[in-house]
C-alpha atoms as a PDB file:
ATOM      1  CA  MET A   1      -1.702 -13.624   9.087  1.00  0.00           C
ATOM      2  CA  THR A   2      -1.070 -14.231   5.399  1.00  0.00           C
ATOM      3  CA  LEU A   3      -2.091 -11.727   2.770  1.00  0.00           C
ATOM      4  CA  GLU A   4      -4.942 -14.092   1.762  1.00  0.00           C
ATOM      5  CA  GLU A   5      -6.170 -13.985   5.322  1.00  0.00           C
ATOM      6  CA  TYR A   6      -6.026 -10.129   5.379  1.00  0.00           C
ATOM      7  CA  GLN A   7      -7.947  -9.883   2.172  1.00  0.00           C
ATOM      8  CA  LYS A   8     -10.533 -12.291   3.309  1.00  0.00           C
ATOM      9  CA  GLN A   9     -10.790 -10.203   6.633  1.00  0.00           C
ATOM     10  CA  VAL A  10     -11.285  -7.065   4.646  1.00  0.00           C
ATOM     11  CA  ASP A  11     -14.008  -8.716   2.448  1.00  0.00           C
ATOM     12  CA  ASN A  12     -15.736 -10.080   5.476  1.00  0.00           C
ATOM     13  CA  TRP A  13     -15.951  -6.640   6.883  1.00  0.00           C
ATOM     14  CA  ALA A  14     -16.947  -4.991   3.495  1.00  0.00           C
ATOM     15  CA  GLN A  15     -19.669  -7.534   2.904  1.00  0.00           C
ATOM     16  CA  THR A  16     -21.419  -6.248   6.101  1.00  0.00           C
ATOM     17  CA  LEU A  17     -22.004  -2.937   4.301  1.00  0.00           C
ATOM     18  CA  GLU A  18     -24.813  -2.098   2.020  1.00  0.00           C
ATOM     19  CA  LYS A  19     -22.365  -1.261  -0.688  1.00  0.00           C
ATOM     20  CA  PRO A  20     -19.405  -3.388   0.067  1.00  0.00           C
ATOM     21  CA  TYR A  21     -16.807  -1.572  -2.178  1.00  0.00           C
ATOM     22  CA  TRP A  22     -16.699   1.667  -3.924  1.00  0.00           C
ATOM     23  CA  SER A  23     -16.501   1.851  -7.647  1.00  0.00           C
ATOM     24  CA  PRO A  24     -13.196   1.186  -9.081  1.00  0.00           C
ATOM     25  CA  LEU A  25     -12.271   4.754 -10.034  1.00  0.00           C
ATOM     26  CA  SER A  26     -13.245   5.993  -6.436  1.00  0.00           C
ATOM     27  CA  GLN A  27     -11.147   3.179  -5.030  1.00  0.00           C
ATOM     28  CA  MET A  28      -8.275   4.382  -7.110  1.00  0.00           C
ATOM     29  CA  ALA A  29      -8.746   7.910  -5.925  1.00  0.00           C
ATOM     30  CA  ARG A  30      -8.623   6.854  -2.472  1.00  0.00           C
ATOM     31  CA  LEU A  31      -5.585   4.944  -2.914  1.00  0.00           C
ATOM     32  CA  ILE A  32      -3.927   7.962  -4.369  1.00  0.00           C
ATOM     33  CA  GLU A  33      -5.089  10.106  -1.612  1.00  0.00           C
ATOM     34  CA  GLU A  34      -3.565   7.794   0.995  1.00  0.00           C
ATOM     35  CA  VAL A  35      -0.338   7.661  -1.118  1.00  0.00           C
ATOM     36  CA  GLY A  36      -0.287  11.529  -1.021  1.00  0.00           C
ATOM     37  CA  GLU A  37      -0.718  11.464   2.761  1.00  0.00           C
ATOM     38  CA  LEU A  38       2.268   9.268   3.059  1.00  0.00           C
ATOM     39  CA  ALA A  39       4.188  11.497   0.666  1.00  0.00           C
ATOM     40  CA  ARG A  40       3.381  14.456   2.717  1.00  0.00           C
ATOM     41  CA  ILE A  41       4.841  12.810   5.812  1.00  0.00           C
ATOM     42  CA  TYR A  42       7.928  12.000   3.908  1.00  0.00           C
ATOM     43  CA  ASN A  43       8.173  15.547   2.645  1.00  0.00           C
ATOM     44  CA  HIS A  44       8.011  16.781   6.156  1.00  0.00           C
ATOM     45  CA  LYS A  45      10.526  14.064   7.340  1.00  0.00           C
ATOM     46  CA  TYR A  46      13.145  14.159   4.505  1.00  0.00           C
ATOM     47  CA  GLY A  47      12.225  17.030   2.255  1.00  0.00           C
ATOM     48  CA  ASP A  48      12.244  20.780   2.309  1.00  0.00           C
ATOM     49  CA  LYS A  49       8.650  21.318   3.291  1.00  0.00           C
ATOM     50  CA  VAL A  50       8.488  22.514   7.027  1.00  0.00           C
ATOM     51  CA  LYS A  51       5.564  21.283   9.055  1.00  0.00           C
ATOM     52  CA  LYS A  52       3.144  23.781  10.402  1.00  0.00           C
ATOM     53  CA  PRO A  53       3.162  23.777  14.225  1.00  0.00           C
ATOM     54  CA  SER A  54      -0.726  23.440  14.058  1.00  0.00           C
ATOM     55  CA  GLU A  55      -0.392  20.146  12.071  1.00  0.00           C
ATOM     56  CA  SER A  56      -0.902  16.845  14.082  1.00  0.00           C
ATOM     57  CA  PRO A  57       2.120  14.333  14.492  1.00  0.00           C
ATOM     58  CA  ASP A  58       2.777  12.133  11.398  1.00  0.00           C
ATOM     59  CA  ASP A  59       2.063   8.538  11.630  1.00  0.00           C
ATOM     60  CA  ILE A  60       3.865   6.575   8.832  1.00  0.00           C
ATOM     61  CA  GLU A  61       2.527   3.235  10.038  1.00  0.00           C
ATOM     62  CA  ASP A  62      -1.045   4.374   9.968  1.00  0.00           C
ATOM     63  CA  GLU A  63      -0.613   5.696   6.453  1.00  0.00           C
ATOM     64  CA  MET A  64       1.062   2.529   5.044  1.00  0.00           C
ATOM     65  CA  GLY A  65      -1.816   0.569   6.783  1.00  0.00           C
ATOM     66  CA  ASP A  66      -4.324   2.690   5.042  1.00  0.00           C
ATOM     67  CA  ILE A  67      -2.566   2.144   1.711  1.00  0.00           C
ATOM     68  CA  LEU A  68      -2.530  -1.653   2.280  1.00  0.00           C
ATOM     69  CA  PHE A  69      -6.228  -1.604   3.267  1.00  0.00           C
ATOM     70  CA  ASP A  70      -7.180   0.200   0.142  1.00  0.00           C
ATOM     71  CA  LEU A  71      -5.028  -1.966  -2.090  1.00  0.00           C
ATOM     72  CA  MET A  72      -6.678  -5.033  -0.580  1.00  0.00           C
ATOM     73  CA  CYS A  73     -10.153  -3.677  -1.255  1.00  0.00           C
ATOM     74  CA  MET A  74      -9.096  -2.989  -4.909  1.00  0.00           C
ATOM     75  CA  ALA A  75      -7.644  -6.482  -5.136  1.00  0.00           C
ATOM     76  CA  ASN A  76     -10.808  -8.028  -3.855  1.00  0.00           C
ATOM     77  CA  VAL A  77     -13.030  -6.307  -6.359  1.00  0.00           C
ATOM     78  CA  GLU A  78     -10.474  -7.239  -9.242  1.00  0.00           C
ATOM     79  CA  GLY A  79     -10.218 -10.922  -7.962  1.00  0.00           C
ATOM     80  CA  VAL A  80      -6.518 -10.447  -7.590  1.00  0.00           C
ATOM     81  CA  SER A  81      -4.390 -12.425  -4.947  1.00  0.00           C
ATOM     82  CA  LEU A  82      -1.893 -10.160  -3.480  1.00  0.00           C
ATOM     83  CA  SER A  83       0.191 -13.139  -2.465  1.00  0.00           C
ATOM     84  CA  LYS A  84       0.431 -14.215  -5.977  1.00  0.00           C
ATOM     85  CA  ALA A  85       1.292 -10.701  -7.053  1.00  0.00           C
ATOM     86  CA  MET A  86       3.968 -10.444  -4.316  1.00  0.00           C
ATOM     87  CA  ASN A  87       5.570 -13.843  -5.402  1.00  0.00           C
ATOM     88  CA  LYS A  88       5.717 -12.615  -9.067  1.00  0.00           C
ATOM     89  CA  VAL A  89       7.477  -9.311  -8.066  1.00  0.00           C
ATOM     90  CA  ILE A  90       9.809 -11.113  -5.836  1.00  0.00           C
ATOM     91  CA  ASN A  91      10.641 -13.591  -8.426  1.00  0.00           C
ATOM     92  CA  LYS A  92      11.274 -10.785 -10.884  1.00  0.00           C
ATOM     93  CA  SER A  93      13.724  -9.282  -8.571  1.00  0.00           C
ATOM     94  CA  LEU A  94      15.569 -12.482  -8.001  1.00  0.00           C
ATOM     95  CA  THR A  95      15.807 -13.369 -11.698  1.00  0.00           C
ATOM     96  CA  ARG A  96      15.273 -10.651 -14.263  1.00  0.00           C
ATOM     97  CA  ASP A  97      16.626  -7.815 -12.117  1.00  0.00           C
ATOM     98  CA  LYS A  98      19.221  -9.884 -10.214  1.00  0.00           C
ATOM     99  CA  ASP A  99      22.189  -8.014 -11.779  1.00  0.00           C
ATOM    100  CA  ARG A 100      20.453  -4.625 -12.372  1.00  0.00           C
ATOM    101  CA  PHE A 101      21.710  -2.964  -9.131  1.00  0.00           C
ATOM    102  CA  LYS A 102      25.132  -2.665  -7.726  1.00  0.00           C
ATOM    103  CA  LYS A 103      25.666  -5.293  -4.965  1.00  0.00           C
ATOM    104  CA  LYS A 104      27.492  -4.768  -1.658  1.00  0.00           C
ATOM    105  CA  THR A 105      31.109  -5.557  -1.677  1.00  0.00           C
ATOM    106  CA  LYS A 106      32.561  -8.185   0.833  1.00  0.00           C
ATOM    107  CA  ASP A 107      34.892  -6.812   3.206  1.00  0.00           C
END
């Protein structure tokens, strides 16, 4: 599916609810909560924070999915096309930032 199709699917689901989307500030807080959950997983996996034995297994895929879902909700409310946003950032990487980072050397 394309990003547009996912955004539409999220909107179709949201429109079945009495209040389809939370207020923008609540959506931002939700996104930050989900990013925090992903950060916790990364801290357990790569950082110095030891996971408690009582904590459930980490699921990076689920947390990334939650982040994408929340971002799509925000984009829908704001009328933002995430496909256009991605095209812009990729273009920026290929043009403005093309010489910004050290390239691999050929063997």
